[in-house]
Amino acid sequence: MKIVGTRIREEPATFRTAMATAGIALGSSREGRWIVERACAVSSDALLKILDDAVPESVSEAVDLMVARRLAGEPLQYVLGAWDFRGIELLVDRRVLIPRPETEQVVDVVLTELAKSAGPSAPVVLVDLGTGSGAIALSVALEGASDASRVRGDVRDRLEVWATDLSADALDVARSNLALLASSNAAAARRVRVGQGTWYDSLPRKLVGRVNLVVSNPPYVSEAEWQVLDPQVRDYEPRMALVPGSTGIEAIEQVVSGAPEWLAPGGTLVCELAPAQAAIAAGLAEGAGMVDVTVRHDLAGKLRVLVARKRL
């Protein structure tokens, strides 16, 4: 503070003190820093250069509001309005699920399977059913067609990605994220098409029997599980993106049962699931006539990703 005449005047808060104050309030210096970065719309590197500058009142008010939302229990990702997914900054809000590390691993499986795609037909078609924020579709469009990708050049050059969802609100978010991708990598964004509808009904009929890979992170939480979910999930994330019905297997059943019709011969289905659903989902795939059915583990050692193939 400064003494001015006979009055004591508080010094304006600096970005350094704003971060410290937010971090103390939240019990996390990292969250405090992220909130200040988001409030003043600068990168970490840029913030380091202005740490001792005074914080504008508008930024201070934004920080206070974001801290209050976080303290009320709102997930950090929604408070920030964006989250990193495999190096892509995705806009996220309460219209879509928060992207999770398990789904990043689904993309790894997809890229590995996409590398095996064969056949002379063009394009190579990948469909992301229930795309939400667009996390899977946009990651595959960017990584699957990059020069550094494990995917063969002849496949990369012909890649076409469909991002679909029943929710118009979710697709609004996905389209915003697609526009952001276009601003940084127009070639990757041009590979993405958007469709609305229930699972395979979201796709044009011309794709029947021509899809090389179907991927989905469908709702898989049962009604009973929903009741005891962490309030940060249950009270904020969209219920329809989490709960497909009473058992939690309903959406997986629809994705699996429809795959043989839409996949090309030798095409692959990749589907995220809950560990307890692994045996049921594998049985559904085998019952649908699919082969090479496996369920892959995530990094925590839990069964997480169903992979199945349509017969040649």
Foldseek 3Di string as FASTA:
>chain_A
DDCDPPDDDDDADFQQVQLVVLCVLLVHSVLSNLQLCLLVVHDPVVCVVRRGPGDDPSSSVLSVVLSVCVVVLADSLQSSQWDDAPNQIAGDHQQFDDDDPLVSVLLVVVLVLQLVDDDDDADAEEEEEACQLVRNQLVCLVQVLDPPGSRDNVNSVRAAYEYEEQDPSSVVRNVVSLVVCCVVPVNSSVRYDYFHDHGPVRDDPVQFQPHQEYEYAAAQAAPVNLVPDDCNPNVRHDPRRHYVYHHSCVSLLVNLLPVLGRHHAFHKYKYWYFLVCQVVSLVSNVVSVWPPWDFDADPVRGGTMIMTTHHD
